[in-house]
Amino acid sequence: MRDPQLIALPYHNGLPDVGMGAGVRALLAELGRPADVVRAVDPGAPEVRRTLELDRRLAERVRAAVAAGAFPLVLAGNCNSCLGTVGAVGSAGLGVVWFDAHADFDTPEDNVSGFFDVMALSTLTGSAWQAQRAKVCAEPVAEERVVLAAVRDLEPYQRERIERSRLLVAPGRLDGFEAALEALEASRVYLHLDLDALDASEGRANEYAAPGGPSLHAYLAAVDAVFDRFTVVAAALTAYDPAADEDGRARTAAGALLGRVIERAA
């Protein structure tokens, strides 16, 4: 039995309580459970520096939760929180199951948006920001140990980069998801739940919500499948922006996903 420990990283681009960082506070209020909130950093520092420092502080919290025998459940604004979580649980032999409408697999050389968070998975797997990653997460996770699920909203260069990679991909409405899990050679898994993996018709998690993804029912079933097959050592839910969620359905979906993880982790 593992008591879930909520750890909150309420930041977007390293800034507190704005954008998708504000969603963390909203979800904490909805859950009504205590959480360990990572303290803010100097907002005047460069974006990458403050983001990596927040991830370093997150790693300390995750490491403490693991040492206490708890299950780390991270609520974060951005997906690059993965660096702190994986850095704490250790990447050796670790698999990653990553749900996201977007690949987050850009590198500084090909990225056109200027958004650091779209390089979260490429940084975790060692093809971007390697020196910065090493400050938080000592070793990258091999691409073939990552299942990228529900991905669909891609620019042509992003699609080409995924096709050249060794990622195990289950796109859109989770096409081939069971086969991808079967191919994942890992006993321990970090479970990453970007809320915009959900089909936009079921709730708008943020401004980047996209059609063609799984229903909430299918998303929950996929979470169950991960817990059924692997030892999940940590999980995160990211990317909820209340400003985009006009009808509250995305918040309801987030609550259902968090509740399922808490139920399965305990």
C-alpha atoms as a PDB file:
ATOM      1  CA  MET A   1       0.000   0.000   0.000  1.00  0.00           C
ATOM      2  CA  ARG A   2       1.389   3.429  -0.984  1.00  0.00           C
ATOM      3  CA  ASP A   3      -0.205   6.592   0.331  1.00  0.00           C
ATOM      4  CA  PRO A   4      -0.316   9.094  -2.564  1.00  0.00           C
ATOM      5  CA  GLN A   5       1.594  12.294  -1.818  1.00  0.00           C
ATOM      6  CA  LEU A   6       0.407  15.286  -3.840  1.00  0.00           C
ATOM      7  CA  ILE A   7       3.240  17.567  -4.901  1.00  0.00           C
ATOM      8  CA  ALA A   8       2.272  20.831  -6.577  1.00  0.00           C
ATOM      9  CA  LEU A   9       4.300  22.814  -9.103  1.00  0.00           C
ATOM     10  CA  PRO A  10       1.934  25.722  -9.873  1.00  0.00           C
ATOM     11  CA  TYR A  11       4.053  27.416 -12.526  1.00  0.00           C
ATOM     12  CA  HIS A  12       3.895  28.183 -16.238  1.00  0.00           C
ATOM     13  CA  ASN A  13       7.199  29.058 -17.890  1.00  0.00           C
ATOM     14  CA  GLY A  14       8.584  29.221 -14.374  1.00  0.00           C
ATOM     15  CA  LEU A  15       6.142  31.952 -13.271  1.00  0.00           C
ATOM     16  CA  PRO A  16       3.663  31.320 -10.443  1.00  0.00           C
ATOM     17  CA  ASP A  17      -0.113  30.979 -10.744  1.00  0.00           C
ATOM     18  CA  VAL A  18      -0.519  32.092 -14.350  1.00  0.00           C
ATOM     19  CA  GLY A  19      -1.750  30.161 -17.373  1.00  0.00           C
ATOM     20  CA  MET A  20      -1.453  26.442 -16.847  1.00  0.00           C
ATOM     21  CA  GLY A  21       0.197  27.082 -13.493  1.00  0.00           C
ATOM     22  CA  ALA A  22      -3.083  28.564 -12.268  1.00  0.00           C
ATOM     23  CA  GLY A  23      -4.740  25.263 -13.096  1.00  0.00           C
ATOM     24  CA  VAL A  24      -2.708  23.523 -10.422  1.00  0.00           C
ATOM     25  CA  ARG A  25      -4.251  25.708  -7.716  1.00  0.00           C
ATOM     26  CA  ALA A  26      -7.725  25.113  -9.150  1.00  0.00           C
ATOM     27  CA  LEU A  27      -7.268  21.342  -9.110  1.00  0.00           C
ATOM     28  CA  LEU A  28      -5.887  21.382  -5.579  1.00  0.00           C
ATOM     29  CA  ALA A  29      -8.978  23.250  -4.428  1.00  0.00           C
ATOM     30  CA  GLU A  30     -11.165  20.717  -6.235  1.00  0.00           C
ATOM     31  CA  LEU A  31      -9.401  17.739  -4.655  1.00  0.00           C
ATOM     32  CA  GLY A  32      -9.418  19.162  -1.152  1.00  0.00           C
ATOM     33  CA  ARG A  33      -6.303  17.190  -0.242  1.00  0.00           C
ATOM     34  CA  PRO A  34      -3.080  18.518   1.306  1.00  0.00           C
ATOM     35  CA  ALA A  35      -0.157  19.048  -1.043  1.00  0.00           C
ATOM     36  CA  ASP A  36       3.507  19.861  -0.809  1.00  0.00           C
ATOM     37  CA  VAL A  37       3.835  23.055  -2.884  1.00  0.00           C
ATOM     38  CA  VAL A  38       7.210  23.796  -4.444  1.00  0.00           C
ATOM     39  CA  ARG A  39       8.249  27.338  -3.555  1.00  0.00           C
ATOM     40  CA  ALA A  40       8.759  29.972  -6.234  1.00  0.00           C
ATOM     41  CA  VAL A  41      12.076  31.106  -7.687  1.00  0.00           C
ATOM     42  CA  ASP A  42      13.295  34.529  -8.768  1.00  0.00           C
ATOM     43  CA  PRO A  43      10.868  35.593 -11.542  1.00  0.00           C
ATOM     44  CA  GLY A  44      13.566  37.806 -13.027  1.00  0.00           C
ATOM     45  CA  ALA A  45      15.822  34.863 -13.836  1.00  0.00           C
ATOM     46  CA  PRO A  46      15.886  33.573 -17.441  1.00  0.00           C
ATOM     47  CA  GLU A  47      13.028  31.189 -18.258  1.00  0.00           C
ATOM     48  CA  VAL A  48      15.138  28.057 -18.677  1.00  0.00           C
ATOM     49  CA  ARG A  49      17.115  28.734 -15.499  1.00  0.00           C
ATOM     50  CA  ARG A  50      14.044  29.274 -13.338  1.00  0.00           C
ATOM     51  CA  THR A  51      12.261  26.277 -14.856  1.00  0.00           C
ATOM     52  CA  LEU A  52      15.195  23.956 -14.177  1.00  0.00           C
ATOM     53  CA  GLU A  53      15.561  25.292 -10.633  1.00  0.00           C
ATOM     54  CA  LEU A  54      11.880  24.545 -10.001  1.00  0.00           C
ATOM     55  CA  ASP A  55      12.446  21.038 -11.362  1.00  0.00           C
ATOM     56  CA  ARG A  56      15.410  20.617  -9.021  1.00  0.00           C
ATOM     57  CA  ARG A  57      13.225  21.624  -6.078  1.00  0.00           C
ATOM     58  CA  LEU A  58      10.505  19.278  -7.294  1.00  0.00           C
ATOM     59  CA  ALA A  59      13.036  16.430  -7.360  1.00  0.00           C
ATOM     60  CA  GLU A  60      13.771  17.043  -3.686  1.00  0.00           C
ATOM     61  CA  ARG A  61      10.060  16.706  -2.845  1.00  0.00           C
ATOM     62  CA  VAL A  62       9.618  13.585  -4.962  1.00  0.00           C
ATOM     63  CA  ARG A  63      12.718  11.993  -3.455  1.00  0.00           C
ATOM     64  CA  ALA A  64      11.412  12.679   0.052  1.00  0.00           C
ATOM     65  CA  ALA A  65       8.019  11.160  -0.795  1.00  0.00           C
ATOM     66  CA  VAL A  66       9.652   7.994  -2.142  1.00  0.00           C
ATOM     67  CA  ALA A  67      11.879   7.739   0.948  1.00  0.00           C
ATOM     68  CA  ALA A  68       8.763   7.951   3.118  1.00  0.00           C
ATOM     69  CA  GLY A  69       7.121   5.090   1.198  1.00  0.00           C
ATOM     70  CA  ALA A  70       4.572   7.363  -0.499  1.00  0.00           C
ATOM     71  CA  PHE A  71       3.506   7.480  -4.142  1.00  0.00           C
ATOM     72  CA  PRO A  72       4.517  10.816  -5.741  1.00  0.00           C
ATOM     73  CA  LEU A  73       1.638  12.384  -7.656  1.00  0.00           C
ATOM     74  CA  VAL A  74       2.711  15.669  -9.230  1.00  0.00           C
ATOM     75  CA  LEU A  75       0.340  18.411 -10.327  1.00  0.00           C
ATOM     76  CA  ALA A  76       2.228  20.743 -12.653  1.00  0.00           C
ATOM     77  CA  GLY A  77       1.548  23.515 -15.102  1.00  0.00           C
ATOM     78  CA  ASN A  78       4.127  22.376 -17.624  1.00  0.00           C
ATOM     79  CA  CYS A  79       5.335  19.012 -18.896  1.00  0.00           C
ATOM     80  CA  ASN A  80       8.987  19.722 -18.161  1.00  0.00           C
ATOM     81  CA  SER A  81       8.187  18.817 -14.565  1.00  0.00           C
ATOM     82  CA  CYS A  82       9.062  15.317 -15.823  1.00  0.00           C
ATOM     83  CA  LEU A  83      12.742  16.165 -15.367  1.00  0.00           C
ATOM     84  CA  GLY A  84      12.385  16.621 -11.623  1.00  0.00           C
ATOM     85  CA  THR A  85      10.163  13.595 -11.144  1.00  0.00           C
ATOM     86  CA  VAL A  86      12.271  11.207 -13.210  1.00  0.00           C
ATOM     87  CA  GLY A  87      15.451  12.628 -11.736  1.00  0.00           C
ATOM     88  CA  ALA A  88      14.157  11.709  -8.288  1.00  0.00           C
ATOM     89  CA  VAL A  89      12.884   8.186  -9.012  1.00  0.00           C
ATOM     90  CA  GLY A  90      15.890   7.337 -11.204  1.00  0.00           C
ATOM     91  CA  SER A  91      15.957   6.726 -14.941  1.00  0.00           C
ATOM     92  CA  ALA A  92      17.866   3.433 -14.852  1.00  0.00           C
ATOM     93  CA  GLY A  93      15.557   0.780 -16.308  1.00  0.00           C
ATOM     94  CA  LEU A  94      12.645   3.216 -16.167  1.00  0.00           C
ATOM     95  CA  GLY A  95       9.903   3.276 -18.769  1.00  0.00           C
ATOM     96  CA  VAL A  96       7.752   6.323 -19.509  1.00  0.00           C
ATOM     97  CA  VAL A  97       4.137   6.311 -20.672  1.00  0.00           C
ATOM     98  CA  TRP A  98       3.457   9.821 -21.930  1.00  0.00           C
ATOM     99  CA  PHE A  99      -0.081  10.931 -22.858  1.00  0.00           C
ATOM    100  CA  ASP A 100      -0.160  14.196 -24.794  1.00  0.00           C
ATOM    101  CA  ALA A 101      -1.818  15.661 -27.880  1.00  0.00           C
ATOM    102  CA  HIS A 102       1.626  17.102 -28.696  1.00  0.00           C
ATOM    103  CA  ALA A 103       4.980  15.396 -28.970  1.00  0.00           C
ATOM    104  CA  ASP A 104       6.984  17.807 -26.755  1.00  0.00           C
ATOM    105  CA  PHE A 105       9.873  16.418 -28.799  1.00  0.00           C
ATOM    106  CA  ASP A 106      11.297  19.571 -30.398  1.00  0.00           C
ATOM    107  CA  THR A 107      14.942  20.526 -30.097  1.00  0.00           C
ATOM    108  CA  PRO A 108      16.432  24.041 -30.012  1.00  0.00           C
ATOM    109  CA  GLU A 109      17.595  23.506 -33.598  1.00  0.00           C
ATOM    110  CA  ASP A 110      14.151  22.788 -35.067  1.00  0.00           C
ATOM    111  CA  ASN A 111      11.732  24.504 -32.670  1.00  0.00           C
ATOM    112  CA  VAL A 112       9.846  27.468 -34.112  1.00  0.00           C
ATOM    113  CA  SER A 113       7.527  28.417 -31.222  1.00  0.00           C
ATOM    114  CA  GLY A 114      10.158  29.478 -28.689  1.00  0.00           C
ATOM    115  CA  PHE A 115       8.236  27.532 -26.023  1.00  0.00           C
ATOM    116  CA  PHE A 116      10.649  25.613 -23.790  1.00  0.00           C
ATOM    117  CA  ASP A 117       7.952  23.188 -22.676  1.00  0.00           C
ATOM    118  CA  VAL A 118       7.608  21.664 -26.167  1.00  0.00           C
ATOM    119  CA  MET A 119      11.112  20.277 -25.617  1.00  0.00           C
ATOM    120  CA  ALA A 120      10.217  18.385 -22.427  1.00  0.00           C
ATOM    121  CA  LEU A 121      10.288  14.869 -23.873  1.00  0.00           C
ATOM    122  CA  SER A 122      13.314  15.497 -26.091  1.00  0.00           C
ATOM    123  CA  THR A 123      15.179  16.810 -23.050  1.00  0.00           C
ATOM    124  CA  LEU A 124      14.158  13.799 -20.973  1.00  0.00           C
ATOM    125  CA  THR A 125      15.351  11.423 -23.704  1.00  0.00           C
ATOM    126  CA  GLY A 126      18.665  13.192 -24.228  1.00  0.00           C
ATOM    127  CA  SER A 127      18.407  14.981 -27.572  1.00  0.00           C
ATOM    128  CA  ALA A 128      17.968  18.518 -26.221  1.00  0.00           C
ATOM    129  CA  TRP A 129      19.374  20.632 -23.386  1.00  0.00           C
ATOM    130  CA  GLN A 130      21.615  17.810 -22.185  1.00  0.00           C
ATOM    131  CA  ALA A 131      23.815  19.878 -19.860  1.00  0.00           C
ATOM    132  CA  GLN A 132      20.754  21.468 -18.252  1.00  0.00           C
ATOM    133  CA  ARG A 133      18.960  18.133 -17.930  1.00  0.00           C
ATOM    134  CA  ALA A 134      21.937  16.616 -16.147  1.00  0.00           C
ATOM    135  CA  LYS A 135      21.594  19.178 -13.351  1.00  0.00           C
ATOM    136  CA  VAL A 136      18.232  17.639 -12.441  1.00  0.00           C
ATOM    137  CA  CYS A 137      18.058  14.201 -14.061  1.00  0.00           C
ATOM    138  CA  ALA A 138      21.450  12.491 -14.216  1.00  0.00           C
ATOM    139  CA  GLU A 139      20.717  10.115 -17.089  1.00  0.00           C
ATOM    140  CA  PRO A 140      18.256  10.379 -19.988  1.00  0.00           C
ATOM    141  CA  VAL A 141      15.562   7.803 -20.661  1.00  0.00           C
ATOM    142  CA  ALA A 142      16.182   5.837 -23.865  1.00  0.00           C
ATOM    143  CA  GLU A 143      13.654   6.645 -26.599  1.00  0.00           C
ATOM    144  CA  GLU A 144      12.662   2.997 -26.976  1.00  0.00           C
ATOM    145  CA  ARG A 145      11.542   3.040 -23.343  1.00  0.00           C
ATOM    146  CA  VAL A 146       8.904   5.716 -24.023  1.00  0.00           C
ATOM    147  CA  VAL A 147       5.315   5.165 -25.127  1.00  0.00           C
ATOM    148  CA  LEU A 148       3.982   8.391 -26.656  1.00  0.00           C
ATOM    149  CA  ALA A 149       0.196   8.085 -26.563  1.00  0.00           C
ATOM    150  CA  ALA A 150      -2.644  10.197 -28.045  1.00  0.00           C
ATOM    151  CA  VAL A 151      -0.222  12.427 -30.000  1.00  0.00           C
ATOM    152  CA  ARG A 152      -1.838  14.053 -33.033  1.00  0.00           C
ATOM    153  CA  ASP A 153      -1.442  17.857 -33.178  1.00  0.00           C
ATOM    154  CA  LEU A 154       1.861  18.043 -35.052  1.00  0.00           C
ATOM    155  CA  GLU A 155       3.657  20.277 -37.503  1.00  0.00           C
ATOM    156  CA  PRO A 156       5.257  18.410 -40.436  1.00  0.00           C
ATOM    157  CA  TYR A 157       8.762  18.738 -38.972  1.00  0.00           C
ATOM    158  CA  GLN A 158       7.500  17.339 -35.649  1.00  0.00           C
ATOM    159  CA  ARG A 159       5.865  14.376 -37.351  1.00  0.00           C
ATOM    160  CA  GLU A 160       9.059  13.652 -39.276  1.00  0.00           C
ATOM    161  CA  ARG A 161      11.128  13.789 -36.110  1.00  0.00           C
ATOM    162  CA  ILE A 162       8.843  11.267 -34.377  1.00  0.00           C
ATOM    163  CA  GLU A 163       9.006   8.966 -37.407  1.00  0.00           C
ATOM    164  CA  ARG A 164      12.811   9.011 -37.230  1.00  0.00           C
ATOM    165  CA  SER A 165      12.829   8.268 -33.501  1.00  0.00           C
ATOM    166  CA  ARG A 166      12.672   5.015 -31.563  1.00  0.00           C
ATOM    167  CA  LEU A 167       9.629   6.112 -29.551  1.00  0.00           C
ATOM    168  CA  LEU A 168       6.743   3.650 -29.251  1.00  0.00           C
ATOM    169  CA  VAL A 169       3.861   5.672 -30.639  1.00  0.00           C
ATOM    170  CA  ALA A 170       0.117   5.120 -30.119  1.00  0.00           C
ATOM    171  CA  PRO A 171      -1.354   8.179 -31.850  1.00  0.00           C
ATOM    172  CA  GLY A 172      -4.733   9.853 -31.880  1.00  0.00           C
ATOM    173  CA  ARG A 173      -7.405   7.810 -30.185  1.00  0.00           C
ATOM    174  CA  LEU A 174      -4.707   5.510 -28.764  1.00  0.00           C
ATOM    175  CA  ASP A 175      -4.280   3.442 -31.915  1.00  0.00           C
ATOM    176  CA  GLY A 176      -2.078   0.457 -31.089  1.00  0.00           C
ATOM    177  CA  PHE A 177      -1.762   1.380 -27.433  1.00  0.00           C
ATOM    178  CA  GLU A 178      -1.809  -2.195 -26.098  1.00  0.00           C
ATOM    179  CA  ALA A 179       0.846  -3.234 -28.611  1.00  0.00           C
ATOM    180  CA  ALA A 180       3.008  -0.282 -27.559  1.00  0.00           C
ATOM    181  CA  LEU A 181       2.723  -1.295 -23.907  1.00  0.00           C
ATOM    182  CA  GLU A 182       3.624  -4.846 -24.843  1.00  0.00           C
ATOM    183  CA  ALA A 183       6.756  -3.599 -26.614  1.00  0.00           C
ATOM    184  CA  LEU A 184       7.857  -1.442 -23.685  1.00  0.00           C
ATOM    185  CA  GLU A 185      10.698  -3.259 -21.947  1.00  0.00           C
ATOM    186  CA  ALA A 186      10.515  -1.860 -18.435  1.00  0.00           C
ATOM    187  CA  SER A 187       9.290  -2.992 -15.066  1.00  0.00           C
ATOM    188  CA  ARG A 188       9.030   0.480 -13.506  1.00  0.00           C
ATOM    189  CA  VAL A 189       7.130   3.301 -15.198  1.00  0.00           C
ATOM    190  CA  TYR A 190       6.653   7.041 -14.841  1.00  0.00           C
ATOM    191  CA  LEU A 191       3.093   7.911 -15.956  1.00  0.00           C
ATOM    192  CA  HIS A 192       2.691  11.344 -17.544  1.00  0.00           C
ATOM    193  CA  LEU A 193      -0.859  12.617 -18.095  1.00  0.00           C
ATOM    194  CA  ASP A 194      -1.084  15.831 -20.074  1.00  0.00           C
ATOM    195  CA  LEU A 195      -4.736  16.795 -19.806  1.00  0.00           C
ATOM    196  CA  ASP A 196      -4.903  17.894 -23.453  1.00  0.00           C
ATOM    197  CA  ALA A 197      -4.400  14.297 -24.524  1.00  0.00           C
ATOM    198  CA  LEU A 198      -8.173  14.231 -24.013  1.00  0.00           C
ATOM    199  CA  ASP A 199     -10.257  14.861 -27.129  1.00  0.00           C
ATOM    200  CA  ALA A 200     -11.260  18.529 -27.269  1.00  0.00           C
ATOM    201  CA  SER A 201     -14.936  17.580 -27.578  1.00  0.00           C
ATOM    202  CA  GLU A 202     -14.768  16.156 -24.043  1.00  0.00           C
ATOM    203  CA  GLY A 203     -13.312  19.314 -22.507  1.00  0.00           C
ATOM    204  CA  ARG A 204     -10.818  22.033 -23.392  1.00  0.00           C
ATOM    205  CA  ALA A 205      -7.845  21.555 -21.111  1.00  0.00           C
ATOM    206  CA  ASN A 206      -5.927  24.537 -22.508  1.00  0.00           C
ATOM    207  CA  GLU A 207      -5.594  26.687 -25.614  1.00  0.00           C
ATOM    208  CA  TYR A 208      -3.795  23.836 -27.393  1.00  0.00           C
ATOM    209  CA  ALA A 209      -6.661  21.328 -27.046  1.00  0.00           C
ATOM    210  CA  ALA A 210      -7.133  19.331 -30.241  1.00  0.00           C
ATOM    211  CA  PRO A 211      -9.696  16.962 -31.797  1.00  0.00           C
ATOM    212  CA  GLY A 212      -8.962  13.354 -32.610  1.00  0.00           C
ATOM    213  CA  GLY A 213      -7.978  12.163 -29.147  1.00  0.00           C
ATOM    214  CA  PRO A 214      -9.368   9.612 -26.706  1.00  0.00           C
ATOM    215  CA  SER A 215     -12.605  10.000 -24.805  1.00  0.00           C
ATOM    216  CA  LEU A 216     -12.381  10.294 -21.037  1.00  0.00           C
ATOM    217  CA  HIS A 217     -13.565   6.694 -20.770  1.00  0.00           C
ATOM    218  CA  ALA A 218     -10.759   5.526 -23.072  1.00  0.00           C
ATOM    219  CA  TYR A 219      -8.198   7.680 -21.263  1.00  0.00           C
ATOM    220  CA  LEU A 220      -9.161   6.167 -17.905  1.00  0.00           C
ATOM    221  CA  ALA A 221      -9.050   2.659 -19.362  1.00  0.00           C
ATOM    222  CA  ALA A 222      -5.555   3.347 -20.706  1.00  0.00           C
ATOM    223  CA  VAL A 223      -4.418   4.495 -17.252  1.00  0.00           C
ATOM    224  CA  ASP A 224      -5.767   1.232 -15.845  1.00  0.00           C
ATOM    225  CA  ALA A 225      -3.869  -0.715 -18.493  1.00  0.00           C
ATOM    226  CA  VAL A 226      -0.598   0.919 -17.446  1.00  0.00           C
ATOM    227  CA  PHE A 227      -1.175   0.083 -13.780  1.00  0.00           C
ATOM    228  CA  ASP A 228      -2.215  -3.457 -14.696  1.00  0.00           C
ATOM    229  CA  ARG A 229       1.010  -4.114 -16.598  1.00  0.00           C
ATOM    230  CA  PHE A 230       3.709  -2.128 -14.785  1.00  0.00           C
ATOM    231  CA  THR A 231       4.832  -0.905 -11.390  1.00  0.00           C
ATOM    232  CA  VAL A 232       4.059   2.803 -11.628  1.00  0.00           C
ATOM    233  CA  VAL A 233       6.585   4.608  -9.435  1.00  0.00           C
ATOM    234  CA  ALA A 234       5.342   8.182  -9.971  1.00  0.00           C
ATOM    235  CA  ALA A 235       2.748  10.061 -11.970  1.00  0.00           C
ATOM    236  CA  ALA A 236       1.987  13.607 -13.045  1.00  0.00           C
ATOM    237  CA  LEU A 237      -0.995  15.491 -14.409  1.00  0.00           C
ATOM    238  CA  THR A 238      -0.118  18.636 -16.334  1.00  0.00           C
ATOM    239  CA  ALA A 239      -1.339  21.431 -18.604  1.00  0.00           C
ATOM    240  CA  TYR A 240      -4.742  22.439 -17.196  1.00  0.00           C
ATOM    241  CA  ASP A 241      -5.608  26.090 -17.850  1.00  0.00           C
ATOM    242  CA  PRO A 242      -8.907  27.179 -16.231  1.00  0.00           C
ATOM    243  CA  ALA A 243      -9.188  30.104 -18.662  1.00  0.00           C
ATOM    244  CA  ALA A 244      -9.738  27.671 -21.546  1.00  0.00           C
ATOM    245  CA  ASP A 245     -12.224  25.496 -19.636  1.00  0.00           C
ATOM    246  CA  GLU A 246     -15.390  27.527 -20.115  1.00  0.00           C
ATOM    247  CA  ASP A 247     -17.845  24.759 -19.218  1.00  0.00           C
ATOM    248  CA  GLY A 248     -15.806  23.050 -16.463  1.00  0.00           C
ATOM    249  CA  ARG A 249     -15.683  19.689 -18.225  1.00  0.00           C
ATOM    250  CA  ALA A 250     -11.896  19.614 -18.420  1.00  0.00           C
ATOM    251  CA  ARG A 251     -11.668  20.142 -14.668  1.00  0.00           C
ATOM    252  CA  THR A 252     -14.116  17.274 -14.144  1.00  0.00           C
ATOM    253  CA  ALA A 253     -11.989  15.078 -16.412  1.00  0.00           C
ATOM    254  CA  ALA A 254      -8.844  16.047 -14.512  1.00  0.00           C
ATOM    255  CA  GLY A 255     -10.527  15.087 -11.252  1.00  0.00           C
ATOM    256  CA  ALA A 256     -11.515  11.720 -12.695  1.00  0.00           C
ATOM    257  CA  LEU A 257      -7.970  11.015 -13.910  1.00  0.00           C
ATOM    258  CA  LEU A 258      -6.419  12.054 -10.608  1.00  0.00           C
ATOM    259  CA  GLY A 259      -8.948   9.972  -8.715  1.00  0.00           C
ATOM    260  CA  ARG A 260      -8.125   6.924 -10.835  1.00  0.00           C
ATOM    261  CA  VAL A 261      -4.384   7.330 -10.243  1.00  0.00           C
ATOM    262  CA  ILE A 262      -4.921   7.757  -6.498  1.00  0.00           C
ATOM    263  CA  GLU A 263      -7.152   4.663  -6.425  1.00  0.00           C
ATOM    264  CA  ARG A 264      -4.713   2.519  -8.396  1.00  0.00           C
ATOM    265  CA  ALA A 265      -1.572   3.731  -6.621  1.00  0.00           C
ATOM    266  CA  ALA A 266      -2.896   3.093  -3.111  1.00  0.00           C
END
